[in-house]
N, C-alpha and C. Protein backbone atom coordinates (compact mmCIF):
# COMPACT_ATOMS: atom_id res chain seq x y z
N MET A 1 -16.45 20.17 6.60
CA MET A 1 -15.24 21.06 6.16
C MET A 1 -14.25 20.22 5.14
N THR A 2 -14.12 21.40 3.73
CA THR A 2 -13.34 21.02 2.74
C THR A 2 -11.68 21.17 2.69
N LEU A 3 -11.03 20.41 3.17
CA LEU A 3 -9.43 20.35 2.74
C LEU A 3 -8.85 21.17 1.65
N PRO A 4 -8.57 22.60 1.78
CA PRO A 4 -7.43 22.88 0.38
C PRO A 4 -6.45 21.86 -0.30
N PRO A 5 -6.46 22.16 -1.63
CA PRO A 5 -5.62 21.49 -2.07
C PRO A 5 -4.29 21.60 -1.45
N GLY A 6 -3.41 20.55 -1.06
CA GLY A 6 -1.98 20.65 -0.61
C GLY A 6 -2.23 20.60 0.89
N ASP A 7 -3.04 20.46 1.10
CA ASP A 7 -3.71 20.07 2.52
C ASP A 7 -4.18 18.51 2.95
N ARG A 8 -4.58 17.90 1.84
CA ARG A 8 -5.32 16.78 2.00
C ARG A 8 -4.05 15.61 2.47
N PRO A 9 -4.36 14.64 2.79
CA PRO A 9 -3.01 13.73 2.85
C PRO A 9 -2.93 13.07 1.65
N ALA A 10 -3.34 12.78 0.26
CA ALA A 10 -3.07 12.54 -0.97
C ALA A 10 -2.71 13.40 -1.86
N ASP A 11 -2.78 14.71 -1.17
CA ASP A 11 -1.89 15.59 -1.76
C ASP A 11 -0.33 15.68 -1.51
N ARG A 12 -0.04 15.30 -0.31
CA ARG A 12 0.90 15.41 0.06
C ARG A 12 2.42 14.54 -0.41
N ILE A 13 1.87 13.40 -1.20
CA ILE A 13 2.67 12.55 -1.70
C ILE A 13 2.92 12.32 -3.13
N PRO A 14 4.31 13.57 -3.69
CA PRO A 14 4.32 14.10 -4.89
C PRO A 14 4.61 12.45 -5.51
N ARG A 15 3.79 11.36 -6.35
CA ARG A 15 4.29 10.60 -7.16
C ARG A 15 5.81 10.15 -7.49
N ARG A 16 6.58 11.26 -8.39
CA ARG A 16 7.57 11.01 -8.76
C ARG A 16 8.43 10.71 -7.93
N GLN A 17 8.68 10.55 -6.27
CA GLN A 17 9.55 10.75 -4.99
C GLN A 17 8.87 10.04 -3.99
N ALA A 18 8.11 9.16 -4.56
CA ALA A 18 6.77 8.43 -3.33
C ALA A 18 7.86 7.53 -3.27
N LEU A 19 8.82 6.71 -4.29
CA LEU A 19 9.93 5.56 -4.22
C LEU A 19 10.50 5.86 -2.74
N ARG A 20 11.02 7.00 -2.53
CA ARG A 20 11.46 6.98 -1.38
C ARG A 20 10.80 6.91 0.18
N VAL A 21 9.69 6.38 0.19
CA VAL A 21 9.43 6.21 0.92
C VAL A 21 9.34 4.18 1.38
N ILE A 22 9.71 3.62 0.03
CA ILE A 22 9.57 2.47 0.08
C ILE A 22 11.21 1.93 0.10
N GLY A 23 12.38 3.40 -0.44
CA GLY A 23 13.18 2.99 -0.76
C GLY A 23 14.22 2.28 0.78
N GLY A 24 15.21 1.78 0.36
CA GLY A 24 16.29 1.53 1.52
C GLY A 24 15.59 -0.12 1.92
N ALA A 25 14.30 -0.55 1.35
CA ALA A 25 13.86 -1.75 1.95
C ALA A 25 14.57 -2.91 2.03
N ALA A 26 15.64 -3.14 1.24
CA ALA A 26 16.65 -3.75 0.78
C ALA A 26 17.24 -4.36 2.07
N ALA A 27 17.13 -3.29 3.07
CA ALA A 27 17.79 -3.23 4.42
C ALA A 27 17.57 -4.40 5.50
N LEU A 28 16.49 -4.59 4.99
CA LEU A 28 15.19 -5.10 6.20
C LEU A 28 15.66 -6.43 6.43
N PRO A 29 16.08 -7.02 7.90
CA PRO A 29 16.50 -7.95 8.25
C PRO A 29 16.16 -9.14 8.09
N LEU A 30 14.75 -9.46 8.40
CA LEU A 30 13.97 -10.30 8.51
C LEU A 30 13.14 -10.85 7.32
N LEU A 31 13.32 -9.92 6.45
CA LEU A 31 12.62 -10.30 4.55
C LEU A 31 13.81 -10.34 3.90
N PRO A 32 13.43 -11.24 2.82
CA PRO A 32 14.21 -11.54 2.17
C PRO A 32 14.33 -10.33 1.06
N GLU A 33 16.23 -9.81 0.90
CA GLU A 33 16.66 -8.90 0.66
C GLU A 33 15.85 -9.08 -0.99
N GLU A 34 15.80 -9.72 -1.67
CA GLU A 34 15.35 -10.22 -2.96
C GLU A 34 13.65 -9.29 -3.13
N LEU A 35 12.94 -9.69 -2.07
CA LEU A 35 12.10 -9.29 -2.19
C LEU A 35 11.62 -7.59 -2.44
N PHE A 36 12.54 -7.32 -1.60
CA PHE A 36 12.28 -5.42 -1.53
C PHE A 36 13.04 -5.03 -2.66
N ALA A 37 14.39 -5.59 -2.81
CA ALA A 37 14.69 -4.94 -3.32
C ALA A 37 14.57 -4.87 -5.02
N ASN A 38 13.92 -6.08 -5.27
CA ASN A 38 13.26 -6.36 -6.62
C ASN A 38 12.28 -5.91 -7.16
N PRO A 39 11.36 -5.13 -7.62
CA PRO A 39 10.00 -5.11 -7.89
C PRO A 39 8.99 -6.11 -7.89
N HIS A 40 9.85 -6.89 -9.28
CA HIS A 40 9.54 -7.72 -10.48
C HIS A 40 9.27 -9.10 -8.97
N LEU A 41 10.47 -9.35 -7.94
CA LEU A 41 9.77 -10.52 -7.20
C LEU A 41 8.75 -9.72 -6.25
N ALA A 42 9.24 -8.94 -5.80
CA ALA A 42 7.92 -8.25 -5.03
C ALA A 42 6.51 -8.67 -5.65
N HIS A 43 6.45 -8.44 -7.01
CA HIS A 43 5.09 -8.26 -7.81
C HIS A 43 4.84 -9.62 -7.95
N VAL A 44 5.55 -10.71 -8.06
CA VAL A 44 5.16 -12.24 -8.37
C VAL A 44 4.98 -12.73 -6.66
N HIS A 45 5.23 -12.37 -5.68
CA HIS A 45 5.28 -13.16 -4.54
C HIS A 45 3.81 -12.18 -3.78
N LEU A 46 3.50 -10.74 -3.90
CA LEU A 46 2.85 -10.32 -2.92
C LEU A 46 1.39 -9.93 -3.64
N HIS A 47 1.54 -10.15 -4.66
CA HIS A 47 0.52 -9.59 -6.06
C HIS A 47 -0.28 -10.79 -6.70
N ARG A 48 -1.78 -10.76 -6.87
CA ARG A 48 -2.19 -11.63 -7.86
C ARG A 48 -1.96 -11.26 -8.99
N GLN A 49 -1.67 -12.54 -9.94
CA GLN A 49 -1.43 -12.77 -11.21
C GLN A 49 -2.14 -12.68 -11.70
N GLU A 50 -2.13 -12.15 -13.33
CA GLU A 50 -3.28 -12.37 -14.40
C GLU A 50 -4.19 -13.64 -14.52
N ALA A 51 -2.87 -14.74 -14.21
CA ALA A 51 -3.55 -15.96 -14.27
C ALA A 51 -4.58 -16.87 -13.37
N ASP A 52 -4.64 -16.18 -12.59
CA ASP A 52 -5.39 -15.99 -11.18
C ASP A 52 -6.87 -15.18 -11.48
N ALA A 53 -7.77 -16.53 -11.74
CA ALA A 53 -8.87 -16.06 -12.32
C ALA A 53 -9.94 -14.98 -11.03
N GLU A 54 -9.61 -15.26 -9.86
CA GLU A 54 -10.24 -14.63 -8.48
C GLU A 54 -9.64 -14.17 -7.65
N PRO A 55 -9.35 -13.11 -6.59
CA PRO A 55 -8.71 -12.97 -5.85
C PRO A 55 -8.22 -14.30 -4.54
N ALA A 56 -7.38 -14.33 -4.33
CA ALA A 56 -7.13 -15.42 -3.07
C ALA A 56 -7.72 -14.78 -1.96
N PRO A 57 -9.10 -15.93 -0.99
CA PRO A 57 -9.20 -15.61 0.02
C PRO A 57 -8.46 -14.77 1.07
N LEU A 58 -9.28 -13.80 1.85
CA LEU A 58 -8.09 -13.04 2.74
C LEU A 58 -8.07 -14.04 4.02
N THR A 59 -6.87 -14.25 4.30
CA THR A 59 -6.29 -15.07 5.45
C THR A 59 -6.19 -14.28 6.71
N VAL A 60 -5.71 -12.87 6.77
CA VAL A 60 -5.43 -12.16 8.07
C VAL A 60 -6.24 -11.17 8.11
N LEU A 61 -6.83 -10.16 7.60
CA LEU A 61 -7.56 -9.57 7.19
C LEU A 61 -9.16 -9.99 7.23
N THR A 62 -10.12 -8.94 7.94
CA THR A 62 -11.47 -9.77 7.67
C THR A 62 -12.09 -8.85 6.93
N GLU A 63 -13.29 -9.04 5.99
CA GLU A 63 -13.68 -8.26 5.01
C GLU A 63 -13.61 -6.81 4.97
N HIS A 64 -14.15 -6.39 6.51
CA HIS A 64 -14.24 -4.97 6.93
C HIS A 64 -13.26 -3.81 7.15
N GLN A 65 -12.34 -4.81 7.33
CA GLN A 65 -11.02 -4.31 7.65
C GLN A 65 -9.89 -4.49 6.01
N ALA A 66 -10.33 -4.72 5.56
CA ALA A 66 -9.93 -4.91 4.30
C ALA A 66 -10.77 -3.48 3.36
N ARG A 67 -11.42 -3.86 3.42
CA ARG A 67 -12.47 -2.62 2.54
C ARG A 67 -12.05 -1.56 3.37
N THR A 68 -12.02 -1.17 4.51
CA THR A 68 -11.28 0.41 5.55
C THR A 68 -9.86 0.61 4.82
N LEU A 69 -9.25 -0.42 4.68
CA LEU A 69 -7.85 -0.72 3.83
C LEU A 69 -7.56 0.18 2.77
N ASN A 70 -8.39 -0.38 2.24
CA ASN A 70 -8.84 0.33 0.40
C ASN A 70 -9.29 1.73 0.57
N ALA A 71 -10.09 1.93 1.25
CA ALA A 71 -10.96 3.26 1.23
C ALA A 71 -9.80 4.21 1.87
N ILE A 72 -8.61 3.83 2.94
CA ILE A 72 -7.46 4.67 3.31
C ILE A 72 -6.70 4.94 1.89
N ALA A 73 -6.03 3.57 1.40
CA ALA A 73 -5.02 3.40 0.31
C ALA A 73 -5.62 4.18 -0.66
N GLU A 74 -7.51 4.43 -1.11
CA GLU A 74 -7.44 5.36 -2.33
C GLU A 74 -7.45 6.65 -2.12
N ARG A 75 -7.78 7.19 -0.44
CA ARG A 75 -7.26 8.59 -0.74
C ARG A 75 -5.90 9.14 -0.19
N ILE A 76 -5.18 8.15 0.03
CA ILE A 76 -3.64 8.45 0.15
C ILE A 76 -3.29 8.49 -1.06
N LEU A 77 -3.45 7.59 -2.08
CA LEU A 77 -3.51 7.52 -3.65
C LEU A 77 -3.88 7.82 -4.59
N PRO A 78 -4.94 8.39 -5.02
CA PRO A 78 -6.41 8.36 -5.71
C PRO A 78 -5.86 8.38 -6.72
N THR A 79 -6.90 8.24 -7.73
CA THR A 79 -6.64 7.62 -9.23
C THR A 79 -6.45 9.33 -9.88
N THR A 80 -5.61 9.87 -10.33
CA THR A 80 -5.84 10.74 -11.26
C THR A 80 -5.65 10.60 -13.22
N ASP A 81 -4.47 11.01 -13.42
CA ASP A 81 -4.08 10.92 -14.96
C ASP A 81 -3.53 9.59 -14.74
N THR A 82 -3.14 9.12 -14.21
CA THR A 82 -2.29 7.74 -13.62
C THR A 82 -3.36 6.78 -12.66
N PRO A 83 -3.12 5.33 -12.87
CA PRO A 83 -4.04 4.48 -11.59
C PRO A 83 -3.77 5.02 -10.62
N GLY A 84 -4.36 4.63 -9.33
CA GLY A 84 -3.88 4.91 -8.37
C GLY A 84 -3.96 3.41 -7.42
N ALA A 85 -4.39 3.75 -5.98
CA ALA A 85 -4.21 2.45 -4.98
C ALA A 85 -5.45 1.44 -5.20
N GLY A 86 -6.92 2.26 -5.82
CA GLY A 86 -7.45 1.60 -5.87
C GLY A 86 -7.29 0.44 -7.17
N ASP A 87 -6.60 0.61 -7.93
CA ASP A 87 -6.03 -0.12 -9.18
C ASP A 87 -4.92 -1.35 -8.64
N ALA A 88 -4.49 -1.33 -7.51
CA ALA A 88 -3.63 -1.98 -7.05
C ALA A 88 -3.84 -3.29 -5.96
N GLU A 89 -5.21 -3.58 -5.70
CA GLU A 89 -5.56 -4.51 -5.01
C GLU A 89 -4.53 -4.91 -3.72
N ILE A 90 -4.35 -3.55 -2.86
CA ILE A 90 -3.69 -3.07 -2.07
C ILE A 90 -4.03 -4.33 -0.58
N PRO A 91 -5.63 -4.65 -0.62
CA PRO A 91 -5.68 -5.37 1.03
C PRO A 91 -5.53 -6.62 0.43
N GLY A 92 -4.83 -6.98 -0.69
CA GLY A 92 -4.65 -8.67 -1.24
C GLY A 92 -3.28 -8.48 -0.89
N PHE A 93 -2.96 -7.41 -1.55
CA PHE A 93 -1.12 -7.37 -1.48
C PHE A 93 -0.71 -7.35 0.55
N VAL A 94 -1.25 -6.64 1.50
CA VAL A 94 -1.29 -6.38 2.97
C VAL A 94 -1.33 -7.84 3.29
N ASP A 95 -2.54 -8.20 2.76
CA ASP A 95 -2.97 -9.58 3.21
C ASP A 95 -1.78 -10.73 3.52
N ARG A 96 -1.37 -11.06 2.09
CA ARG A 96 -0.17 -12.10 2.09
C ARG A 96 0.99 -11.20 2.57
N LEU A 97 1.38 -10.06 2.83
CA LEU A 97 2.35 -9.66 3.75
C LEU A 97 2.64 -10.20 4.69
N LEU A 98 1.40 -9.73 5.22
CA LEU A 98 1.10 -10.05 7.09
C LEU A 98 1.03 -11.30 7.12
N ALA A 99 0.86 -12.09 6.46
CA ALA A 99 0.38 -13.70 6.47
C ALA A 99 1.55 -14.49 6.42
N GLY A 100 2.53 -14.05 5.80
CA GLY A 100 3.71 -14.75 5.25
C GLY A 100 5.04 -13.87 5.87
N TRP A 101 4.76 -12.72 5.76
CA TRP A 101 6.59 -11.76 5.87
C TRP A 101 6.89 -11.46 7.00
N LEU A 102 5.85 -10.76 7.30
CA LEU A 102 6.12 -9.52 8.60
C LEU A 102 5.74 -10.05 9.90
N PRO A 103 6.60 -10.06 10.96
CA PRO A 103 6.57 -10.69 12.39
C PRO A 103 5.02 -10.31 12.68
N ASP A 104 4.73 -11.21 13.86
CA ASP A 104 3.74 -11.20 13.91
C ASP A 104 2.87 -9.88 15.37
N ALA A 105 4.27 -9.07 15.72
CA ALA A 105 4.15 -7.82 16.39
C ALA A 105 3.39 -6.94 15.36
N ALA A 106 4.36 -6.86 14.37
CA ALA A 106 3.61 -5.73 13.18
C ALA A 106 2.06 -6.21 12.74
N ARG A 107 1.99 -7.43 12.35
CA ARG A 107 0.55 -7.77 12.53
C ARG A 107 -0.37 -7.40 13.55
N ASP A 108 -0.34 -7.60 14.19
CA ASP A 108 -0.93 -7.39 15.36
C ASP A 108 -1.36 -5.95 15.90
N HIS A 109 -0.35 -4.81 15.58
CA HIS A 109 -0.15 -3.91 15.25
C HIS A 109 -1.40 -3.02 14.56
N LEU A 110 -0.85 -3.54 13.44
CA LEU A 110 -1.55 -2.86 11.99
C LEU A 110 -3.43 -3.25 12.42
N LEU A 111 -3.80 -4.71 12.69
CA LEU A 111 -5.09 -4.63 12.94
C LEU A 111 -5.66 -4.18 14.05
N ALA A 112 -4.91 -4.00 15.32
CA ALA A 112 -5.35 -3.52 16.17
C ALA A 112 -5.70 -1.59 16.04
N GLU A 113 -4.71 -0.48 15.23
CA GLU A 113 -4.57 0.32 14.60
C GLU A 113 -5.73 0.34 13.88
N LEU A 114 -5.79 -0.54 12.78
CA LEU A 114 -6.68 0.02 11.71
C LEU A 114 -8.54 -0.42 12.55
N ASP A 115 -8.87 -1.18 13.48
CA ASP A 115 -9.50 -1.46 14.14
C ASP A 115 -10.26 -0.32 14.94
N SER A 116 -8.93 0.53 15.40
CA SER A 116 -9.13 1.83 16.63
C SER A 116 -9.31 2.89 15.46
N PHE A 117 -8.92 2.92 14.30
CA PHE A 117 -9.22 4.19 13.11
C PHE A 117 -10.32 4.18 13.23
N ASP A 118 -11.02 2.72 12.42
CA ASP A 118 -12.54 2.54 12.39
C ASP A 118 -13.62 3.05 13.29
N ALA A 119 -12.59 2.98 14.16
CA ALA A 119 -13.84 3.12 15.58
C ALA A 119 -13.88 4.52 15.83
N ARG A 120 -12.80 5.42 15.50
CA ARG A 120 -12.62 6.89 15.54
C ARG A 120 -13.72 7.57 13.93
N ALA A 121 -13.85 6.79 13.44
CA ALA A 121 -14.78 7.28 12.13
C ALA A 121 -15.89 6.96 12.49
N ARG A 122 -16.41 6.02 12.88
CA ARG A 122 -17.79 5.77 13.55
C ARG A 122 -18.46 6.66 14.63
N GLU A 123 -17.25 7.50 15.41
CA GLU A 123 -17.52 8.52 15.97
C GLU A 123 -17.77 9.61 15.53
N LYS A 124 -17.54 9.61 14.11
CA LYS A 124 -17.57 11.08 13.18
C LYS A 124 -18.99 10.65 12.37
N GLY A 125 -19.53 9.73 12.14
CA GLY A 125 -20.39 9.59 11.65
C GLY A 125 -21.06 7.99 11.05
N GLY A 126 -20.21 6.90 11.00
CA GLY A 126 -20.06 5.89 10.67
C GLY A 126 -18.75 5.06 10.08
N PRO A 127 -19.01 3.97 9.86
CA PRO A 127 -17.62 3.46 9.36
C PRO A 127 -16.71 4.34 8.54
N PHE A 128 -15.60 4.08 8.26
CA PHE A 128 -14.44 4.82 7.21
C PHE A 128 -15.01 4.65 5.97
N VAL A 129 -15.50 3.73 5.49
CA VAL A 129 -15.45 3.28 4.44
C VAL A 129 -17.20 3.87 3.55
N ASP A 130 -17.80 4.70 4.96
CA ASP A 130 -19.19 4.95 4.46
C ASP A 130 -19.01 6.69 4.20
N LEU A 131 -17.96 7.31 5.25
CA LEU A 131 -17.70 9.01 5.54
C LEU A 131 -17.64 9.58 3.72
N PRO A 132 -18.09 10.59 3.33
CA PRO A 132 -17.49 11.56 2.60
C PRO A 132 -16.39 11.34 2.01
N ASP A 133 -15.99 11.85 0.99
CA ASP A 133 -14.69 12.06 0.91
C ASP A 133 -13.73 13.28 1.71
N THR A 134 -14.67 14.09 2.03
CA THR A 134 -13.85 15.20 3.09
C THR A 134 -13.90 14.34 4.30
N GLY A 135 -14.91 14.29 4.95
CA GLY A 135 -14.71 13.51 6.03
C GLY A 135 -13.57 12.34 6.46
N LYS A 136 -13.38 11.57 5.28
CA LYS A 136 -12.28 11.22 5.25
C LYS A 136 -10.71 11.77 5.09
N ASP A 137 -10.89 12.46 4.77
CA ASP A 137 -9.49 13.48 4.82
C ASP A 137 -9.63 14.25 5.69
N GLU A 138 -10.16 14.50 6.40
CA GLU A 138 -10.28 15.09 7.89
C GLU A 138 -9.53 14.29 8.69
N LEU A 139 -9.83 12.95 8.57
CA LEU A 139 -9.74 11.62 9.67
C LEU A 139 -8.28 11.83 9.27
N LEU A 140 -7.59 11.31 8.25
CA LEU A 140 -6.47 11.10 7.73
C LEU A 140 -5.53 12.26 7.86
N THR A 141 -5.96 13.38 7.67
CA THR A 141 -5.22 14.61 8.43
C THR A 141 -4.73 14.76 9.75
N GLU A 142 -5.66 14.08 10.33
CA GLU A 142 -5.36 14.37 11.93
C GLU A 142 -4.85 13.13 12.02
N ALA A 143 -4.82 11.73 11.83
CA ALA A 143 -3.78 10.96 12.26
C ALA A 143 -2.34 11.01 11.57
N GLN A 144 -2.54 11.82 10.43
CA GLN A 144 -0.94 12.43 10.00
C GLN A 144 -0.28 13.03 10.74
N ASP A 145 -1.24 13.96 11.25
CA ASP A 145 -0.56 15.50 12.05
C ASP A 145 0.03 14.56 13.34
N GLU A 146 -0.65 13.48 14.16
CA GLU A 146 -0.41 12.83 15.09
C GLU A 146 0.57 11.91 15.01
N ALA A 147 0.75 11.27 13.50
CA ALA A 147 2.19 10.59 13.72
C ALA A 147 3.69 11.56 13.50
N LEU A 148 3.29 12.74 12.70
CA LEU A 148 4.36 13.89 12.75
C LEU A 148 4.63 13.85 13.91
N ALA A 149 3.71 14.54 15.21
CA ALA A 149 3.81 14.40 16.79
C ALA A 149 4.35 13.62 17.44
N GLU A 150 4.10 11.73 17.10
CA GLU A 150 4.79 11.04 17.77
C GLU A 150 6.02 10.85 17.36
N ARG A 151 6.42 10.99 15.91
CA ARG A 151 7.76 10.49 15.38
C ARG A 151 8.95 11.88 16.27
N ASN A 152 8.22 12.79 16.09
CA ASN A 152 9.18 14.11 16.93
C ASN A 152 10.09 14.30 15.94
N GLY A 153 10.54 14.15 14.50
CA GLY A 153 11.31 14.90 13.64
C GLY A 153 12.04 13.14 13.49
N ARG A 154 12.05 11.97 14.40
CA ARG A 154 12.70 10.93 13.63
C ARG A 154 11.85 10.51 12.26
N GLY A 155 12.62 9.54 11.10
CA GLY A 155 12.05 8.76 10.20
C GLY A 155 11.21 7.85 10.65
N PHE A 156 10.83 7.59 9.59
CA PHE A 156 10.21 6.15 9.51
C PHE A 156 11.03 5.09 9.49
N SER A 157 10.61 3.89 10.40
CA SER A 157 11.60 3.04 10.55
C SER A 157 10.88 1.48 9.19
N ARG A 158 11.85 0.93 8.56
CA ARG A 158 11.07 -0.10 8.20
C ARG A 158 12.11 -1.15 8.47
N ASN A 159 12.73 -1.22 9.75
CA ASN A 159 13.18 -2.60 10.22
C ASN A 159 11.59 -3.29 10.34
N PRO A 160 11.57 -4.80 10.44
CA PRO A 160 10.41 -5.32 10.51
C PRO A 160 10.19 -5.39 12.00
N ASN A 161 11.27 -5.70 12.76
CA ASN A 161 10.98 -5.63 14.05
C ASN A 161 10.67 -4.16 14.75
N ARG A 162 10.51 -3.21 14.23
CA ARG A 162 10.27 -2.13 14.96
C ARG A 162 9.13 -1.32 14.13
N LEU A 163 8.46 -2.46 13.14
CA LEU A 163 7.41 -1.64 12.39
C LEU A 163 5.88 -1.47 13.78
N HIS A 164 6.00 -2.22 14.30
CA HIS A 164 4.51 -2.09 15.63
C HIS A 164 5.25 -1.06 15.98
N GLU A 165 6.13 -0.34 16.04
CA GLU A 165 6.74 0.95 17.02
C GLU A 165 5.91 2.18 16.22
N GLN A 166 5.67 1.78 14.76
CA GLN A 166 5.26 3.02 13.90
C GLN A 166 4.19 3.30 14.36
N PRO A 167 3.71 4.74 13.89
CA PRO A 167 2.56 5.36 13.91
C PRO A 167 1.62 4.79 12.62
N PHE A 168 0.56 4.86 12.77
CA PHE A 168 -0.24 4.09 11.98
C PHE A 168 -0.60 4.55 10.81
N PHE A 169 -0.73 5.69 10.59
CA PHE A 169 -0.78 6.59 9.29
C PHE A 169 0.56 6.10 8.89
N ASP A 170 2.03 6.67 9.64
CA ASP A 170 2.90 6.17 8.45
C ASP A 170 3.19 4.82 7.62
N LEU A 171 2.52 3.61 8.74
CA LEU A 171 2.66 2.21 8.29
C LEU A 171 1.93 2.16 7.42
N VAL A 172 0.67 2.82 7.25
CA VAL A 172 -0.33 2.62 6.50
C VAL A 172 0.08 2.99 5.20
N LYS A 173 0.52 4.16 4.91
CA LYS A 173 1.13 5.23 4.06
C LYS A 173 2.12 4.61 3.07
N TRP A 174 3.16 3.86 4.31
CA TRP A 174 4.29 2.93 3.76
C TRP A 174 3.90 1.66 2.96
N LEU A 175 2.95 1.21 3.29
CA LEU A 175 2.35 -0.08 2.66
C LEU A 175 1.40 0.19 1.55
N THR A 176 0.98 1.53 1.45
CA THR A 176 -0.16 1.51 0.50
C THR A 176 1.06 1.98 -0.97
N LEU A 177 2.39 2.59 -1.00
CA LEU A 177 3.01 3.08 -1.66
C LEU A 177 4.20 1.85 -2.49
N PHE A 178 4.08 0.84 -1.39
CA PHE A 178 5.05 -0.12 -1.88
C PHE A 178 4.11 -1.39 -2.42
N GLY A 179 3.01 -1.49 -2.02
CA GLY A 179 1.90 -2.32 -2.94
C GLY A 179 1.71 -1.91 -3.85
N TYR A 180 1.26 -0.21 -4.19
CA TYR A 180 0.96 0.15 -5.73
C TYR A 180 2.33 0.33 -6.13
N TYR A 181 3.26 0.86 -6.29
CA TYR A 181 4.82 0.63 -6.94
C TYR A 181 5.38 -0.74 -7.19
N THR A 182 4.62 -1.93 -6.49
CA THR A 182 5.34 -3.34 -7.24
C THR A 182 3.93 -4.01 -7.62
N SER A 183 2.70 -3.26 -7.67
CA SER A 183 1.69 -3.88 -8.53
C SER A 183 1.89 -3.53 -9.84
N GLU A 184 1.07 -4.47 -10.88
CA GLU A 184 1.09 -4.04 -12.56
C GLU A 184 0.73 -2.53 -12.59
N ALA A 185 0.01 -2.31 -11.74
CA ALA A 185 -0.53 -0.69 -12.57
C ALA A 185 0.62 0.36 -12.16
N GLY A 186 1.32 0.34 -10.81
CA GLY A 186 1.93 1.45 -10.88
C GLY A 186 3.41 1.05 -11.58
N MET A 187 3.48 -0.23 -11.72
CA MET A 187 4.74 -0.66 -12.16
C MET A 187 5.00 -0.40 -14.14
N LYS A 188 3.70 -0.57 -14.47
CA LYS A 188 3.51 -0.35 -15.70
C LYS A 188 3.45 1.02 -16.07
N SER A 189 2.31 1.82 -15.61
CA SER A 189 1.66 3.14 -15.62
C SER A 189 2.81 4.78 -15.33
N GLU A 190 3.57 4.13 -14.25
CA GLU A 190 4.68 5.11 -13.88
C GLU A 190 6.24 4.85 -13.67
N LEU A 191 6.41 3.68 -13.90
CA LEU A 191 7.80 3.22 -13.79
C LEU A 191 8.20 2.69 -14.96
N GLY A 192 7.49 2.21 -15.67
CA GLY A 192 7.62 2.00 -17.59
C GLY A 192 7.89 0.53 -17.54
N TYR A 193 7.73 -0.27 -16.06
CA TYR A 193 8.16 -1.70 -16.07
C TYR A 193 7.68 -2.73 -16.75
N ARG A 194 8.13 -3.42 -17.65
CA ARG A 194 7.57 -4.56 -18.70
C ARG A 194 7.06 -5.64 -17.51
N ILE A 195 6.51 -6.13 -17.24
CA ILE A 195 6.28 -7.04 -16.36
C ILE A 195 7.14 -8.78 -16.62
N VAL A 196 6.31 -8.63 -18.04
CA VAL A 196 6.06 -10.23 -18.67
C VAL A 196 7.01 -9.59 -20.03
N PRO A 197 8.35 -10.09 -20.39
CA PRO A 197 8.73 -10.00 -21.67
C PRO A 197 7.99 -10.52 -22.63
N GLY A 198 8.70 -9.73 -23.85
CA GLY A 198 7.86 -9.88 -25.28
C GLY A 198 7.93 -11.81 -25.29
N ARG A 199 7.26 -12.32 -26.17
CA ARG A 199 7.02 -13.86 -26.46
C ARG A 199 8.26 -14.16 -27.20
N TRP A 200 8.51 -15.31 -26.95
CA TRP A 200 9.89 -15.78 -27.60
C TRP A 200 9.55 -17.04 -28.08
N ASP A 201 9.69 -16.85 -29.43
CA ASP A 201 9.21 -18.42 -30.59
C ASP A 201 10.92 -18.89 -30.71
N PRO A 202 11.33 -19.92 -30.35
CA PRO A 202 12.67 -20.36 -30.80
C PRO A 202 12.66 -20.45 -31.99
N CYS A 203 11.48 -21.75 -32.70
CA CYS A 203 11.99 -21.61 -33.99
C CYS A 203 10.67 -21.30 -34.68
N VAL A 204 10.60 -20.42 -35.93
CA VAL A 204 9.33 -19.89 -36.58
C VAL A 204 9.77 -20.11 -38.03
N ASP A 205 8.64 -20.72 -38.69
CA ASP A 205 8.76 -20.46 -40.37
C ASP A 205 9.22 -18.84 -40.80
N ILE A 206 10.43 -18.61 -41.66
CA ILE A 206 10.65 -17.35 -42.35
C ILE A 206 9.33 -16.50 -42.61
N GLU A 207 8.93 -17.34 -42.93
CA GLU A 207 7.33 -16.73 -43.47
C GLU A 207 7.11 -15.92 -42.24
N ASP A 208 6.79 -16.77 -41.35
CA ASP A 208 5.59 -15.88 -40.38
C ASP A 208 7.06 -14.83 -38.99
N ALA A 209 8.20 -14.98 -39.79
CA ALA A 209 9.48 -14.03 -39.41
C ALA A 209 9.06 -12.30 -39.33
């Protein structure tokens, strides 16, 4: 089944309004306010830096969980005329967040729901990462509808003590958007943010100025 434009999960997130999903995060009580209020600090602490030749080994996610999470993120925020979640190394970002910033209950909830979601995909023909895009979108649409029904009109809670109560789709969408808009790809291409200022040379010869 091919979902028409506007009905796929990826089509329901206007990029210029996506920051509303992660907005207000500075109020999170157990996480450093600066990390969530300042995208540069989130970038430095939670994303791989250019100086790092290789991605750091995963410490919380398994390799398969990371691949599943990446495939979900790519369908939520696909590459268009701007970079997508696949350019933001979302699994590495989430792994660091789970390892050092979020409560254990939130970590355990995400990991269990991620495995459960992949098990649902296997019932439809294989691991989520191996499904065709139409199959991935169908499964994500089901998860999105279930999240809407579960919340029953309530908004998504960014309180870290309540993240384990949030529907799987909402939690993964929030992590995807937060990871993307604090990554170099998202900050530079869509927010116009200069991650590193221009070089400063305190003393130069007048001929080189």
